C-alpha atoms as a PDB file:
ATOM      1  CA  MET A   1       0.137   5.445 -12.326  1.00  0.00           C
ATOM      2  CA  ASN A   2       3.812   6.267 -12.530  1.00  0.00           C
ATOM      3  CA  ASN A   3       3.891   9.614 -14.294  1.00  0.00           C
ATOM      4  CA  ARG A   4       7.019  10.833 -12.515  1.00  0.00           C
ATOM      5  CA  ASP A   5      10.154  11.528 -14.466  1.00  0.00           C
ATOM      6  CA  TRP A   6      12.559   9.681 -12.181  1.00  0.00           C
ATOM      7  CA  LYS A   7      15.540  10.947 -14.199  1.00  0.00           C
ATOM      8  CA  SER A   8      14.902  14.440 -12.886  1.00  0.00           C
ATOM      9  CA  ILE A   9      14.563  15.512  -9.264  1.00  0.00           C
ATOM     10  CA  GLU A  10      11.907  18.108 -10.135  1.00  0.00           C
ATOM     11  CA  TYR A  11       9.140  15.890  -8.727  1.00  0.00           C
ATOM     12  CA  LEU A  12      10.602  16.447  -5.236  1.00  0.00           C
ATOM     13  CA  LYS A  13       9.397  20.055  -5.384  1.00  0.00           C
ATOM     14  CA  ALA A  14       5.772  18.878  -5.351  1.00  0.00           C
ATOM     15  CA  GLY A  15       6.366  16.586  -2.365  1.00  0.00           C
ATOM     16  CA  GLY A  16       6.153  17.222   1.329  1.00  0.00           C
ATOM     17  CA  GLU A  17       8.524  19.225   3.464  1.00  0.00           C
ATOM     18  CA  ARG A  18      11.139  16.463   3.508  1.00  0.00           C
ATOM     19  CA  GLU A  19      11.140  16.017  -0.271  1.00  0.00           C
ATOM     20  CA  GLN A  20      11.343  19.759  -0.863  1.00  0.00           C
ATOM     21  CA  ALA A  21      14.255  20.049   1.573  1.00  0.00           C
ATOM     22  CA  CYS A  22      16.047  17.250  -0.309  1.00  0.00           C
ATOM     23  CA  PHE A  23      15.402  19.002  -3.602  1.00  0.00           C
ATOM     24  CA  HIS A  24      17.027  22.198  -2.323  1.00  0.00           C
ATOM     25  CA  LEU A  25      19.919  20.289  -0.765  1.00  0.00           C
ATOM     26  CA  LEU A  26      20.655  18.377  -3.979  1.00  0.00           C
ATOM     27  CA  ASN A  27      20.539  21.626  -5.949  1.00  0.00           C
ATOM     28  CA  LYS A  28      22.866  23.233  -3.423  1.00  0.00           C
ATOM     29  CA  THR A  29      25.443  20.482  -4.008  1.00  0.00           C
ATOM     30  CA  GLY A  30      24.970  20.669  -7.787  1.00  0.00           C
ATOM     31  CA  ILE A  31      25.402  16.921  -7.869  1.00  0.00           C
ATOM     32  CA  PHE A  32      22.904  16.147 -10.632  1.00  0.00           C
ATOM     33  CA  ASP A  33      24.448  18.729 -12.936  1.00  0.00           C
ATOM     34  CA  CYS A  34      27.967  17.647 -12.018  1.00  0.00           C
ATOM     35  CA  LEU A  35      27.259  13.959 -12.726  1.00  0.00           C
ATOM     36  CA  LYS A  36      24.797  14.470 -15.588  1.00  0.00           C
ATOM     37  CA  GLN A  37      26.872  12.529 -18.120  1.00  0.00           C
ATOM     38  CA  TYR A  38      26.583   9.466 -15.839  1.00  0.00           C
ATOM     39  CA  HIS A  39      22.747   9.389 -15.963  1.00  0.00           C
ATOM     40  CA  PRO A  40      22.186   9.877 -12.217  1.00  0.00           C
ATOM     41  CA  ILE A  41      18.896   8.811 -10.650  1.00  0.00           C
ATOM     42  CA  LEU A  42      17.817   9.389  -7.063  1.00  0.00           C
ATOM     43  CA  THR A  43      16.668   6.064  -5.610  1.00  0.00           C
ATOM     44  CA  GLY A  44      15.773   4.714  -2.200  1.00  0.00           C
ATOM     45  CA  THR A  45      13.072   5.529   0.282  1.00  0.00           C
ATOM     46  CA  ILE A  46      12.882   9.321   0.115  1.00  0.00           C
ATOM     47  CA  PRO A  47      11.545   9.534  -3.469  1.00  0.00           C
ATOM     48  CA  ILE A  48       8.701   7.122  -2.662  1.00  0.00           C
ATOM     49  CA  GLY A  49       7.768   8.494   0.758  1.00  0.00           C
ATOM     50  CA  ILE A  50       8.822   5.650   3.066  1.00  0.00           C
ATOM     51  CA  ASP A  51      11.921   7.245   4.540  1.00  0.00           C
ATOM     52  CA  ILE A  52      12.630   7.455   8.233  1.00  0.00           C
ATOM     53  CA  SER A  53      14.934   9.677  10.244  1.00  0.00           C
ATOM     54  CA  GLY A  54      18.475   9.021   9.075  1.00  0.00           C
ATOM     55  CA  SER A  55      17.505   7.819   5.589  1.00  0.00           C
ATOM     56  CA  ASP A  56      20.144   8.830   3.086  1.00  0.00           C
ATOM     57  CA  LEU A  57      19.862  10.192  -0.433  1.00  0.00           C
ATOM     58  CA  ASP A  58      20.997   7.407  -2.778  1.00  0.00           C
ATOM     59  CA  ILE A  59      22.183   8.418  -6.225  1.00  0.00           C
ATOM     60  CA  ILE A  60      22.984   5.732  -8.775  1.00  0.00           C
ATOM     61  CA  CYS A  61      25.194   6.380 -11.803  1.00  0.00           C
ATOM     62  CA  GLU A  62      26.289   4.548 -14.941  1.00  0.00           C
ATOM     63  CA  VAL A  63      30.082   4.560 -15.165  1.00  0.00           C
ATOM     64  CA  TYR A  64      32.646   2.857 -17.377  1.00  0.00           C
ATOM     65  CA  ASP A  65      35.805   4.750 -16.461  1.00  0.00           C
ATOM     66  CA  TYR A  66      35.839   4.361 -12.689  1.00  0.00           C
ATOM     67  CA  ILE A  67      39.083   6.253 -12.168  1.00  0.00           C
ATOM     68  CA  ALA A  68      37.829   9.337 -14.036  1.00  0.00           C
ATOM     69  CA  PHE A  69      34.532   9.155 -12.148  1.00  0.00           C
ATOM     70  CA  ARG A  70      36.281   8.805  -8.796  1.00  0.00           C
ATOM     71  CA  ASN A  71      38.508  11.757  -9.612  1.00  0.00           C
ATOM     72  CA  LYS A  72      35.501  13.893 -10.502  1.00  0.00           C
ATOM     73  CA  VAL A  73      33.609  12.944  -7.336  1.00  0.00           C
ATOM     74  CA  ARG A  74      36.686  13.636  -5.232  1.00  0.00           C
ATOM     75  CA  GLN A  75      37.263  16.962  -6.977  1.00  0.00           C
ATOM     76  CA  PHE A  76      33.769  18.251  -6.212  1.00  0.00           C
ATOM     77  CA  TYR A  77      32.751  16.438  -3.020  1.00  0.00           C
ATOM     78  CA  SER A  78      35.798  15.344  -0.993  1.00  0.00           C
ATOM     79  CA  ASN A  79      35.648  18.600   0.995  1.00  0.00           C
ATOM     80  CA  TYR A  80      32.188  17.766   2.296  1.00  0.00           C
ATOM     81  CA  ASP A  81      31.737  16.470   5.836  1.00  0.00           C
ATOM     82  CA  ARG A  82      32.635  12.804   6.430  1.00  0.00           C
ATOM     83  CA  PHE A  83      33.546  12.101   2.806  1.00  0.00           C
ATOM     84  CA  THR A  84      34.472   8.469   2.139  1.00  0.00           C
ATOM     85  CA  ASP A  85      34.851   6.466  -1.021  1.00  0.00           C
ATOM     86  CA  ARG A  86      35.912   3.037  -2.195  1.00  0.00           C
ATOM     87  CA  LEU A  87      36.516   1.482  -5.565  1.00  0.00           C
ATOM     88  CA  ASP A  88      36.073  -2.261  -5.997  1.00  0.00           C
ATOM     89  CA  ASP A  89      36.433  -4.325  -9.158  1.00  0.00           C
ATOM     90  CA  ASN A  90      33.135  -3.300 -10.702  1.00  0.00           C
ATOM     91  CA  ARG A  91      31.656  -0.522  -8.575  1.00  0.00           C
ATOM     92  CA  TYR A  92      32.450   2.754  -6.900  1.00  0.00           C
ATOM     93  CA  VAL A  93      30.717   4.035  -3.780  1.00  0.00           C
ATOM     94  CA  ALA A  94      31.150   7.458  -2.204  1.00  0.00           C
ATOM     95  CA  GLY A  95      29.370   9.099   0.672  1.00  0.00           C
ATOM     96  CA  PHE A  96      29.343  12.455   2.384  1.00  0.00           C
ATOM     97  CA  PHE A  97      27.125  14.728   4.458  1.00  0.00           C
ATOM     98  CA  CYS A  98      25.728  18.115   3.507  1.00  0.00           C
ATOM     99  CA  ASP A  99      23.809  20.106   6.109  1.00  0.00           C
ATOM    100  CA  GLY A 100      23.475  16.940   8.203  1.00  0.00           C
ATOM    101  CA  GLN A 101      21.962  14.884   5.364  1.00  0.00           C
ATOM    102  CA  GLU A 102      23.862  11.824   4.154  1.00  0.00           C
ATOM    103  CA  ILE A 103      24.292  11.459   0.394  1.00  0.00           C
ATOM    104  CA  GLU A 104      25.583   8.242  -1.153  1.00  0.00           C
ATOM    105  CA  ILE A 105      26.734   7.791  -4.736  1.00  0.00           C
ATOM    106  CA  PHE A 106      26.736   4.284  -6.174  1.00  0.00           C
ATOM    107  CA  ALA A 107      28.304   3.775  -9.603  1.00  0.00           C
ATOM    108  CA  THR A 108      28.484   0.666 -11.736  1.00  0.00           C
ATOM    109  CA  SER A 109      28.746  -0.067 -15.454  1.00  0.00           C
ATOM    110  CA  GLN A 110      25.103  -1.093 -15.637  1.00  0.00           C
ATOM    111  CA  PRO A 111      22.656   1.454 -17.108  1.00  0.00           C
ATOM    112  CA  THR A 112      20.930   3.233 -14.227  1.00  0.00           C
ATOM    113  CA  GLU A 113      17.457   2.131 -15.325  1.00  0.00           C
ATOM    114  CA  LYS A 114      18.563  -1.511 -15.075  1.00  0.00           C
ATOM    115  CA  GLN A 115      20.247  -1.244 -11.694  1.00  0.00           C
ATOM    116  CA  PRO A 116      18.583  -3.126  -8.825  1.00  0.00           C
ATOM    117  CA  ALA A 117      18.083  -0.014  -6.679  1.00  0.00           C
ATOM    118  CA  TYR A 118      16.048   1.679  -9.421  1.00  0.00           C
ATOM    119  CA  ARG A 119      14.046  -1.418 -10.326  1.00  0.00           C
ATOM    120  CA  HIS A 120      13.202  -2.116  -6.682  1.00  0.00           C
ATOM    121  CA  MET A 121      12.155   1.483  -6.147  1.00  0.00           C
ATOM    122  CA  LEU A 122       9.749   1.369  -9.111  1.00  0.00           C
ATOM    123  CA  VAL A 123       7.974  -1.794  -8.005  1.00  0.00           C
ATOM    124  CA  GLU A 124       7.846  -0.566  -4.410  1.00  0.00           C
ATOM    125  CA  TYR A 125       6.337   2.718  -5.579  1.00  0.00           C
ATOM    126  CA  ARG A 126       3.728   0.814  -7.612  1.00  0.00           C
ATOM    127  CA  LEU A 127       2.800  -1.307  -4.610  1.00  0.00           C
ATOM    128  CA  ILE A 128       2.464   1.777  -2.421  1.00  0.00           C
ATOM    129  CA  GLN A 129       0.203   3.353  -5.056  1.00  0.00           C
ATOM    130  CA  LEU A 130      -1.883   0.183  -5.470  1.00  0.00           C
ATOM    131  CA  LEU A 131      -2.432  -0.460  -1.767  1.00  0.00           C
ATOM    132  CA  ASP A 132      -3.936   1.800   0.844  1.00  0.00           C
ATOM    133  CA  GLU A 133      -2.149   4.284   3.117  1.00  0.00           C
ATOM    134  CA  SER A 134      -2.019   1.769   5.956  1.00  0.00           C
ATOM    135  CA  PHE A 135       0.337  -0.345   3.831  1.00  0.00           C
ATOM    136  CA  ARG A 136       2.782   2.555   3.454  1.00  0.00           C
ATOM    137  CA  GLN A 137       2.563   3.259   7.170  1.00  0.00           C
ATOM    138  CA  GLU A 138       3.263  -0.401   7.977  1.00  0.00           C
ATOM    139  CA  ILE A 139       6.383  -0.300   5.776  1.00  0.00           C
ATOM    140  CA  ILE A 140       7.571   2.747   7.714  1.00  0.00           C
ATOM    141  CA  ARG A 141       6.783   1.038  11.024  1.00  0.00           C
ATOM    142  CA  LEU A 142       8.859  -2.006  10.074  1.00  0.00           C
ATOM    143  CA  LYS A 143      11.712   0.219   8.958  1.00  0.00           C
ATOM    144  CA  LEU A 144      11.595   1.969  12.334  1.00  0.00           C
ATOM    145  CA  GLU A 145      11.881  -1.483  13.921  1.00  0.00           C
ATOM    146  CA  GLY A 146      15.086  -2.082  11.963  1.00  0.00           C
ATOM    147  CA  PHE A 147      13.923  -3.829   8.803  1.00  0.00           C
ATOM    148  CA  ARG A 148      15.620  -2.930   5.547  1.00  0.00           C
ATOM    149  CA  THR A 149      13.212  -1.821   2.827  1.00  0.00           C
ATOM    150  CA  GLU A 150      12.929  -4.959   0.680  1.00  0.00           C
ATOM    151  CA  PRO A 151      12.554  -7.338   3.651  1.00  0.00           C
ATOM    152  CA  ALA A 152       9.816  -5.030   5.011  1.00  0.00           C
ATOM    153  CA  PHE A 153       7.910  -5.399   1.736  1.00  0.00           C
ATOM    154  CA  GLY A 154       8.555  -9.140   1.802  1.00  0.00           C
ATOM    155  CA  LYS A 155       7.150  -9.471   5.309  1.00  0.00           C
ATOM    156  CA  LEU A 156       3.983  -7.468   4.636  1.00  0.00           C
ATOM    157  CA  LEU A 157       3.318  -9.140   1.284  1.00  0.00           C
ATOM    158  CA  ASN A 158       4.128 -12.644   2.552  1.00  0.00           C
ATOM    159  CA  LEU A 159       6.785 -13.104  -0.124  1.00  0.00           C
ATOM    160  CA  LYS A 160       8.092 -16.574   0.660  1.00  0.00           C
ATOM    161  CA  GLU A 161      11.401 -16.388  -1.172  1.00  0.00           C
ATOM    162  CA  ASP A 162      14.203 -13.823  -1.073  1.00  0.00           C
ATOM    163  CA  PRO A 163      12.375 -10.462  -1.093  1.00  0.00           C
ATOM    164  CA  TYR A 164      15.033  -8.824  -3.275  1.00  0.00           C
ATOM    165  CA  GLN A 165      14.464 -11.410  -6.017  1.00  0.00           C
ATOM    166  CA  ALA A 166      10.720 -11.630  -5.429  1.00  0.00           C
ATOM    167  CA  LEU A 167      10.301  -7.899  -6.098  1.00  0.00           C
ATOM    168  CA  PHE A 168      12.036  -8.329  -9.467  1.00  0.00           C
ATOM    169  CA  GLU A 169       9.478 -11.004 -10.337  1.00  0.00           C
ATOM    170  CA  LEU A 170       6.635  -8.589  -9.587  1.00  0.00           C
ATOM    171  CA  GLU A 171       7.898  -5.624 -11.585  1.00  0.00           C
ATOM    172  CA  THR A 172       6.508  -6.559 -15.008  1.00  0.00           C
ATOM    173  CA  LEU A 173       3.124  -7.886 -13.889  1.00  0.00           C
ATOM    174  CA  PRO A 174      -0.001  -5.888 -14.789  1.00  0.00           C
ATOM    175  CA  ASP A 175      -1.725  -4.423 -11.733  1.00  0.00           C
ATOM    176  CA  ASP A 176      -4.438  -7.115 -11.560  1.00  0.00           C
ATOM    177  CA  ASP A 177      -1.893  -9.935 -11.755  1.00  0.00           C
ATOM    178  CA  LEU A 178       0.362  -8.184  -9.278  1.00  0.00           C
ATOM    179  CA  LEU A 179      -2.429  -7.981  -6.702  1.00  0.00           C
ATOM    180  CA  GLU A 180      -3.325 -11.639  -7.306  1.00  0.00           C
ATOM    181  CA  LYS A 181       0.278 -12.724  -6.826  1.00  0.00           C
ATOM    182  CA  ILE A 182       0.811 -10.955  -3.516  1.00  0.00           C
ATOM    183  CA  GLU A 183      -1.034 -11.601  -0.300  1.00  0.00           C
ATOM    184  CA  TYR A 184      -2.076  -8.236   1.019  1.00  0.00           C
ATOM    185  CA  SER A 185      -4.522  -9.217   3.726  1.00  0.00           C
ATOM    186  CA  GLY A 186      -5.296  -6.246   5.899  1.00  0.00           C
ATOM    187  CA  PHE A 187      -4.713  -3.776   3.085  1.00  0.00           C
ATOM    188  CA  THR A 188      -7.168  -2.594   0.481  1.00  0.00           C
ATOM    189  CA  ALA A 189      -6.374  -2.104  -3.164  1.00  0.00           C
ATOM    190  CA  ASN A 190      -6.724   1.482  -4.360  1.00  0.00           C
ATOM    191  CA  PHE A 191      -8.573   0.313  -7.468  1.00  0.00           C
ATOM    192  CA  GLU A 192     -11.021  -2.431  -8.379  1.00  0.00           C
ATOM    193  CA  PRO A 193      -9.234  -5.439  -9.903  1.00  0.00           C
ATOM    194  CA  LYS A 194     -10.926  -6.748 -13.071  1.00  0.00           C
END
């Protein structure tokens, strides 16, 4: 089901108008080439097609020398519109706008494939693929009402506990078990469970 190479942004070229525009914007900034040594991955709602107006492009990175990383980001991106950054004890966050699109860089010492943003995106993408189009549209509707992404999934799937943690518990389940675990009344599975 998930045949995308999430480590590359090439899949955006095959997407809709929004995804293609993001692909060209990211190439224009050169950000994936610039930060290549930090294993950047685009995460969030745009890669999985549940973005709304104002959704930003979230890029996660794996960093151990925060000062060197901050200096590099500042060198290449501090001249962009509305650039901000902050360095805490164990993470660095920077943001800026390019052609009206917000881009956020989140860096921590955790490998990008183990970071919560990436893991959540993968399980959310799986759920969107497993359930019908009305499920994806309901996620978008809730986001338009002000829900953050994970709580929107939690509400639609009747996840009783913290939706951020509950999504982690779903990520390793086979598709049949995943559909048994969630309550998806009102939505149809895109395949026949065994």
